[in-house]
Amino acid sequence: MLALLYMNNLIFSGMQPTGSLHLGNYLGALKQWVELQEQHDSIFCIVDYHALTIDYSPKDLPNRITELALDYLSAGVDPEKSIVFVQSQIPEHTELAWIFNSITPMGELERMTQFKEKSEQHKQNINAGLFTYPILQAADILLYKADRVPVGEDQVQHVELTRDIAKKFNKTFGKTFPETKVILTKTARIMSLVDPEKKMSKSLGEKHYIALSDSPDAIKKKVRSAVTDTHGGSKSAGVTNLFDILEALNGDDMVSELKDQHKKGKLPYKDLKDIVANTIISHLKPIQERRRELEEQREEIGEILIEGAERAQEIAQKTMEEVREKVGVR
């Protein structure tokens, strides 16, 4: 059981409840979380407040939170080893974010590339939450004094801002927060099957991604339709993407041998795609079986989230007592 209150080498990470997870989410985050919880004390959050910054259905959100919790647990996140909870259940997240708002320069937020990208994607809803999103993310992390955050390259800039905010707070009010470090995701970014120049995403359409819930037949159909030779043989982004998926699921040895066969012209695209599809199916099978079992125990999922929130809040309250006293609002 994870000990409470300030630990060294504490991991914090989270995902938004924006719908069914896909293979890119799993390989880019969940798979690594499961490995990290064996080596570090870990907190994994369902960051539902972050999900409010883009268009969503209030009616659907509670179910999406439950679905994401099911994804966490079926993939192997263990509530006996990690704290798992929902962000909105801990009001200290937004309280600390407001305090961080008061010490974060506007210029730091204006240079965030993800704000620019999301503004392009959501032109009809460019809101203040999108702009200050990294401050809430910093509060999520520092509320628990986490000193390690597993992220992909696209999130490194936000963790760097978290470190800058911690330094600014410590300099202004006295040593309080650790200077959080990045644990880079080991897996290369998983790209769209149809457009391998773009990151795998549900927003691109069903053919572009493999959902963790996809049937074997659906997986085979999508992988067999994957774009491969877009820019010439083994240098193709599509081919590279298929090999990246294989490497993430099966390791270097198998991939090195297959790459060698492909380079020599002894591995047709059809055979490569069949190997990739069968590897994905084999890897997802126990996750899907576990998820079906958990779906029959939805009350227990709620209990896990409630217990996780209680454990998280004990840490959060202690942090905020310290912060309030230092900033003078006790």
Protein backbone atom coordinates (compact mmCIF):
# COMPACT_ATOMS: atom_id res chain seq x y z
CA MET A 1 0.00 0.00 0.00
CA LEU A 2 1.32 3.44 -0.94
CA ALA A 3 2.44 5.39 2.09
CA LEU A 4 0.88 8.83 2.50
CA LEU A 5 2.52 12.22 2.80
CA TYR A 6 5.59 13.34 0.93
CA MET A 7 7.75 10.71 -0.65
CA ASN A 8 10.86 10.85 -2.76
CA ASN A 9 10.64 9.60 -6.35
CA LEU A 10 6.89 10.12 -6.43
CA ILE A 11 5.27 9.73 -9.84
CA PHE A 12 2.23 11.77 -10.89
CA SER A 13 0.37 11.57 -14.17
CA GLY A 14 -3.16 11.72 -15.52
CA MET A 15 -5.45 11.54 -18.54
CA GLN A 16 -8.58 13.40 -19.58
CA PRO A 17 -11.87 11.47 -19.75
CA THR A 18 -12.53 12.27 -23.39
CA GLY A 19 -13.62 8.85 -24.64
CA SER A 20 -12.30 5.38 -25.31
CA LEU A 21 -8.53 5.04 -25.19
CA HIS A 22 -6.57 3.91 -28.23
CA LEU A 23 -3.29 2.10 -28.77
CA GLY A 24 -1.33 5.36 -28.81
CA ASN A 25 -2.67 6.26 -25.34
CA TYR A 26 -1.77 2.83 -24.04
CA LEU A 27 1.76 2.67 -25.46
CA GLY A 28 2.47 6.33 -24.77
CA ALA A 29 1.29 6.35 -21.16
CA LEU A 30 -0.59 3.46 -19.54
CA LYS A 31 1.94 0.75 -20.32
CA GLN A 32 4.70 2.82 -18.77
CA TRP A 33 2.58 3.70 -15.73
CA VAL A 34 2.12 0.00 -15.00
CA GLU A 35 5.88 -0.51 -15.15
CA LEU A 36 6.68 2.59 -13.07
CA GLN A 37 4.33 1.68 -10.23
CA GLU A 38 6.58 -1.31 -9.54
CA GLN A 39 9.55 1.02 -8.96
CA HIS A 40 8.03 4.23 -7.59
CA ASP A 41 5.21 5.45 -5.38
CA SER A 42 2.64 6.60 -7.92
CA ILE A 43 -0.47 8.76 -8.22
CA PHE A 44 -2.61 8.47 -11.35
CA CYS A 45 -5.42 10.97 -11.75
CA ILE A 46 -8.45 11.27 -14.00
CA VAL A 47 -8.16 14.96 -14.84
CA ASP A 48 -11.78 15.84 -15.51
CA TYR A 49 -11.35 19.60 -14.96
CA HIS A 50 -8.90 19.67 -17.86
CA ALA A 51 -11.55 18.05 -20.05
CA LEU A 52 -13.83 21.08 -19.54
CA THR A 53 -11.55 23.24 -21.71
CA ILE A 54 -12.87 21.69 -24.94
CA ASP A 55 -16.44 21.02 -26.08
CA TYR A 56 -17.97 18.13 -24.13
CA SER A 57 -21.30 16.74 -22.96
CA PRO A 58 -22.02 17.23 -19.22
CA LYS A 59 -24.43 14.30 -19.47
CA ASP A 60 -21.71 11.98 -20.79
CA LEU A 61 -18.86 13.09 -18.54
CA PRO A 62 -19.65 10.90 -15.46
CA ASN A 63 -19.74 7.77 -17.62
CA ARG A 64 -16.53 8.77 -19.37
CA ILE A 65 -14.84 9.09 -15.99
CA THR A 66 -15.92 5.57 -15.09
CA GLU A 67 -14.82 4.26 -18.49
CA LEU A 68 -11.36 5.80 -18.05
CA ALA A 69 -11.05 4.27 -14.58
CA LEU A 70 -11.88 0.89 -16.18
CA ASP A 71 -9.15 1.48 -18.76
CA TYR A 72 -6.61 2.32 -16.05
CA LEU A 73 -7.38 -0.78 -14.01
CA SER A 74 -7.73 -3.22 -16.91
CA ALA A 75 -4.36 -2.10 -18.27
CA GLY A 76 -2.74 -2.97 -14.95
CA VAL A 77 -2.76 0.14 -12.78
CA ASP A 78 -3.04 -1.38 -9.29
CA PRO A 79 -4.90 0.62 -6.60
CA GLU A 80 -2.98 -1.36 -3.98
CA LYS A 81 0.26 0.08 -5.35
CA SER A 82 -0.91 3.46 -6.70
CA ILE A 83 -3.41 6.14 -5.75
CA VAL A 84 -6.15 6.41 -8.40
CA PHE A 85 -8.72 9.21 -8.11
CA VAL A 86 -10.75 11.89 -9.91
CA GLN A 87 -9.30 15.41 -9.96
CA SER A 88 -12.57 17.26 -9.25
CA GLN A 89 -12.99 15.37 -5.98
CA ILE A 90 -10.01 17.27 -4.54
CA PRO A 91 -10.79 21.04 -4.41
CA GLU A 92 -7.20 21.81 -3.49
CA HIS A 93 -6.24 21.33 -7.17
CA THR A 94 -8.05 24.48 -8.25
CA GLU A 95 -7.09 26.37 -5.09
CA LEU A 96 -3.39 25.82 -5.70
CA ALA A 97 -3.86 26.61 -9.41
CA TRP A 98 -5.28 30.03 -8.49
CA ILE A 99 -2.28 30.79 -6.30
CA PHE A 100 0.05 29.70 -9.13
CA ASN A 101 -1.92 32.00 -11.48
CA SER A 102 -0.72 34.92 -9.38
CA ILE A 103 2.99 34.14 -9.85
CA THR A 104 3.06 32.85 -13.45
CA PRO A 105 4.03 35.45 -16.09
CA MET A 106 1.70 35.77 -19.07
CA GLY A 107 4.68 35.45 -21.38
CA GLU A 108 5.38 31.94 -20.10
CA LEU A 109 1.87 30.84 -21.07
CA GLU A 110 1.96 32.59 -24.44
CA ARG A 111 4.92 30.49 -25.56
CA MET A 112 3.17 27.17 -24.87
CA THR A 113 2.96 25.38 -28.21
CA GLN A 114 0.04 23.18 -27.11
CA PHE A 115 -2.14 26.25 -26.55
CA LYS A 116 -1.46 27.29 -30.14
CA GLU A 117 -2.28 23.79 -31.42
CA LYS A 118 -5.48 23.47 -29.38
CA SER A 119 -6.58 26.95 -30.43
CA GLU A 120 -6.31 25.80 -34.04
CA GLN A 121 -8.33 22.66 -33.29
CA HIS A 122 -11.03 24.46 -31.26
CA LYS A 123 -11.37 27.81 -33.03
CA GLN A 124 -14.95 28.27 -31.81
CA ASN A 125 -13.97 27.75 -28.16
CA ILE A 126 -10.62 29.43 -27.44
CA ASN A 127 -11.17 29.96 -23.74
CA ALA A 128 -9.09 31.10 -20.77
CA GLY A 129 -8.95 27.51 -19.52
CA LEU A 130 -7.03 26.47 -22.64
CA PHE A 131 -4.58 29.29 -21.95
CA THR A 132 -4.07 28.53 -18.23
CA TYR A 133 -4.27 24.74 -18.67
CA PRO A 134 -0.52 24.33 -17.87
CA ILE A 135 -0.98 26.13 -14.53
CA LEU A 136 -3.66 23.68 -13.43
CA GLN A 137 -1.38 20.88 -14.63
CA ALA A 138 1.43 22.30 -12.48
CA ALA A 139 -0.94 22.40 -9.51
CA ASP A 140 -1.95 18.77 -10.14
CA ILE A 141 1.69 17.72 -9.92
CA LEU A 142 3.00 19.97 -7.17
CA LEU A 143 0.00 19.51 -4.88
CA TYR A 144 1.47 16.07 -4.15
CA LYS A 145 5.08 17.32 -4.34
CA ALA A 146 5.67 14.81 -7.14
CA ASP A 147 9.22 14.97 -8.41
CA ARG A 148 8.80 12.69 -11.45
CA VAL A 149 6.29 13.01 -14.30
CA PRO A 150 6.12 10.47 -17.16
CA VAL A 151 5.23 12.31 -20.36
CA GLY A 152 5.71 12.25 -24.10
CA GLU A 153 7.80 14.87 -25.87
CA ASP A 154 4.72 17.03 -26.53
CA GLN A 155 4.24 17.54 -22.78
CA VAL A 156 7.85 18.30 -21.81
CA GLN A 157 7.26 22.04 -22.15
CA HIS A 158 4.47 21.88 -19.57
CA VAL A 159 6.65 20.03 -17.07
CA GLU A 160 9.38 22.62 -17.61
CA LEU A 161 6.81 25.30 -16.74
CA THR A 162 5.87 23.30 -13.63
CA ARG A 163 9.53 23.38 -12.60
CA ASP A 164 9.69 27.14 -13.25
CA ILE A 165 6.57 27.72 -11.15
CA ALA A 166 8.04 25.65 -8.31
CA LYS A 167 11.27 27.68 -8.45
CA LYS A 168 9.34 30.99 -8.47
CA PHE A 169 7.19 29.95 -5.52
CA ASN A 170 10.18 28.68 -3.55
CA LYS A 171 12.13 31.88 -4.20
CA THR A 172 9.18 34.11 -3.28
CA PHE A 173 7.73 32.28 -0.29
CA GLY A 174 10.37 29.80 0.85
CA LYS A 175 11.30 26.25 -0.08
CA THR A 176 8.09 24.27 -0.57
CA PHE A 177 8.02 22.31 -3.83
CA PRO A 178 10.44 19.96 -5.59
CA GLU A 179 11.78 20.82 -9.04
CA THR A 180 9.92 18.19 -10.98
CA LYS A 181 11.79 16.11 -13.55
CA VAL A 182 10.52 14.46 -16.73
CA ILE A 183 10.49 10.72 -17.31
CA LEU A 184 10.27 10.56 -21.09
CA THR A 185 8.00 7.91 -22.55
CA LYS A 186 10.15 5.10 -23.95
CA THR A 187 7.79 4.47 -26.86
CA ALA A 188 8.11 6.54 -30.00
CA ARG A 189 5.01 8.58 -30.77
CA ILE A 190 2.41 6.28 -32.35
CA MET A 191 1.05 7.77 -35.54
CA SER A 192 -2.21 7.50 -37.47
CA LEU A 193 -2.60 4.33 -39.53
CA VAL A 194 -4.07 6.31 -42.43
CA ASP A 195 -1.95 9.46 -42.20
CA PRO A 196 1.36 8.50 -40.53
CA GLU A 197 2.51 12.11 -40.53
CA LYS A 198 -0.06 12.81 -37.79
CA LYS A 199 -0.27 11.49 -34.24
CA MET A 200 -2.81 8.69 -33.69
CA SER A 201 -6.01 10.39 -32.57
CA LYS A 202 -9.72 9.65 -32.34
CA SER A 203 -10.48 13.10 -33.74
CA LEU A 204 -9.07 12.04 -37.12
CA GLY A 205 -11.66 9.28 -37.56
CA GLU A 206 -12.11 5.61 -36.77
CA LYS A 207 -9.73 4.30 -39.46
CA HIS A 208 -6.84 6.31 -38.00
CA TYR A 209 -6.62 4.56 -34.63
CA ILE A 210 -6.94 1.21 -32.88
CA ALA A 211 -9.17 1.39 -29.83
CA LEU A 212 -8.24 -0.77 -26.85
CA SER A 213 -11.73 -2.24 -27.18
CA ASP A 214 -11.45 -3.14 -30.90
CA SER A 215 -12.21 -6.74 -31.83
CA PRO A 216 -9.54 -8.91 -33.51
CA ASP A 217 -11.36 -8.56 -36.84
CA ALA A 218 -11.48 -4.77 -36.52
CA ILE A 219 -7.78 -4.64 -35.66
CA LYS A 220 -6.84 -6.79 -38.66
CA LYS A 221 -8.97 -4.69 -40.99
CA LYS A 222 -7.46 -1.39 -39.77
CA VAL A 223 -3.86 -2.59 -39.83
CA ARG A 224 -4.23 -4.16 -43.28
CA SER A 225 -5.53 -0.80 -44.50
CA ALA A 226 -2.62 1.09 -42.97
CA VAL A 227 -0.64 3.35 -45.30
CA THR A 228 2.91 2.07 -45.76
CA ASP A 229 5.01 3.10 -48.73
CA THR A 230 4.31 6.85 -48.71
CA HIS A 231 7.84 8.14 -49.23
CA GLY A 232 9.86 5.22 -50.42
CA GLY A 233 10.45 1.82 -48.91
CA SER A 234 11.89 1.33 -45.45
CA LYS A 235 12.12 5.12 -44.89
CA SER A 236 8.34 5.46 -45.15
CA ALA A 237 6.63 7.03 -42.12
CA GLY A 238 3.94 4.34 -42.34
CA VAL A 239 6.45 1.50 -42.23
CA THR A 240 8.33 3.19 -39.39
CA ASN A 241 5.07 3.48 -37.47
CA LEU A 242 4.33 -0.23 -37.81
CA PHE A 243 7.81 -1.10 -36.59
CA ASP A 244 7.42 1.36 -33.68
CA ILE A 245 4.23 -0.42 -32.62
CA LEU A 246 5.96 -3.80 -32.82
CA GLU A 247 8.95 -2.55 -30.84
CA ALA A 248 6.73 -1.11 -28.11
CA LEU A 249 4.84 -4.38 -27.76
CA ASN A 250 7.54 -6.99 -28.40
CA GLY A 251 10.94 -5.43 -27.85
CA ASP A 252 14.05 -4.74 -29.93
CA ASP A 253 15.17 -8.26 -30.82
CA MET A 254 12.12 -9.22 -32.87
CA VAL A 255 11.98 -5.83 -34.58
CA SER A 256 15.67 -5.87 -35.54
CA GLU A 257 15.24 -9.20 -37.29
CA LEU A 258 12.12 -8.05 -39.13
CA LYS A 259 13.73 -4.77 -40.16
CA ASP A 260 16.64 -6.71 -41.57
CA GLN A 261 14.26 -8.94 -43.57
CA HIS A 262 12.37 -5.89 -44.82
CA LYS A 263 15.59 -4.15 -45.87
CA LYS A 264 16.54 -7.21 -47.90
CA GLY A 265 13.11 -7.27 -49.53
CA LYS A 266 12.12 -10.52 -47.82
CA LEU A 267 9.24 -9.11 -45.77
CA PRO A 268 6.25 -8.04 -47.89
CA TYR A 269 4.01 -5.31 -46.46
CA LYS A 270 1.14 -7.79 -46.18
CA ASP A 271 3.21 -10.08 -43.94
CA LEU A 272 4.44 -7.15 -41.84
CA LYS A 273 0.87 -5.95 -41.33
CA ASP A 274 -0.30 -9.43 -40.33
CA ILE A 275 2.52 -9.67 -37.77
CA VAL A 276 1.63 -6.26 -36.36
CA ALA A 277 -2.10 -7.05 -36.20
CA ASN A 278 -1.56 -10.40 -34.49
CA THR A 279 0.87 -8.84 -32.01
CA ILE A 280 -1.64 -6.14 -31.09
CA ILE A 281 -4.46 -8.68 -30.73
CA SER A 282 -2.34 -10.91 -28.50
CA HIS A 283 -1.27 -8.00 -26.30
CA LEU A 284 -4.75 -6.51 -25.92
CA LYS A 285 -6.51 -9.82 -25.23
CA PRO A 286 -5.78 -9.99 -21.45
CA ILE A 287 -6.57 -6.28 -21.10
CA GLN A 288 -9.93 -6.74 -22.80
CA GLU A 289 -10.71 -9.84 -20.70
CA ARG A 290 -9.86 -7.97 -17.50
CA ARG A 291 -12.04 -5.06 -18.60
CA ARG A 292 -15.03 -7.32 -19.15
CA GLU A 293 -14.60 -8.65 -15.62
CA LEU A 294 -14.35 -5.14 -14.17
CA GLU A 295 -17.46 -3.97 -16.04
CA GLU A 296 -19.42 -6.41 -13.88
CA GLN A 297 -18.01 -4.72 -10.75
CA ARG A 298 -18.83 -1.05 -11.35
CA GLU A 299 -19.68 -0.44 -7.69
CA GLU A 300 -16.18 -1.54 -6.77
CA ILE A 301 -14.74 0.91 -9.30
CA GLY A 302 -16.56 3.70 -7.47
CA GLU A 303 -15.19 2.50 -4.16
CA ILE A 304 -11.64 2.46 -5.54
CA LEU A 305 -12.01 6.06 -6.72
CA ILE A 306 -13.48 7.18 -3.39
CA GLU A 307 -10.69 5.51 -1.44
CA GLY A 308 -8.12 6.99 -3.80
CA ALA A 309 -9.59 10.48 -3.32
CA GLU A 310 -9.44 10.09 0.46
CA ARG A 311 -5.78 9.12 0.30
CA ALA A 312 -4.98 11.91 -2.17
CA GLN A 313 -6.80 14.53 -0.11
CA GLU A 314 -4.76 13.74 2.98
CA ILE A 315 -1.66 14.79 1.03
CA ALA A 316 -3.42 17.71 -0.67
CA GLN A 317 -4.71 19.21 2.57
CA LYS A 318 -1.29 19.09 4.18
CA THR A 319 0.27 20.83 1.17
CA MET A 320 -2.36 23.57 1.17
CA GLU A 321 -2.00 24.22 4.89
CA GLU A 322 1.68 24.88 4.23
CA VAL A 323 0.99 26.97 1.11
CA ARG A 324 -1.71 29.10 2.76
CA GLU A 325 0.54 29.92 5.67
CA LYS A 326 3.41 30.88 3.36
CA VAL A 327 1.32 33.13 1.08
CA GLY A 328 -0.47 34.73 4.02
CA VAL A 329 -4.09 33.59 3.52
CA ARG A 330 -4.29 31.20 6.50
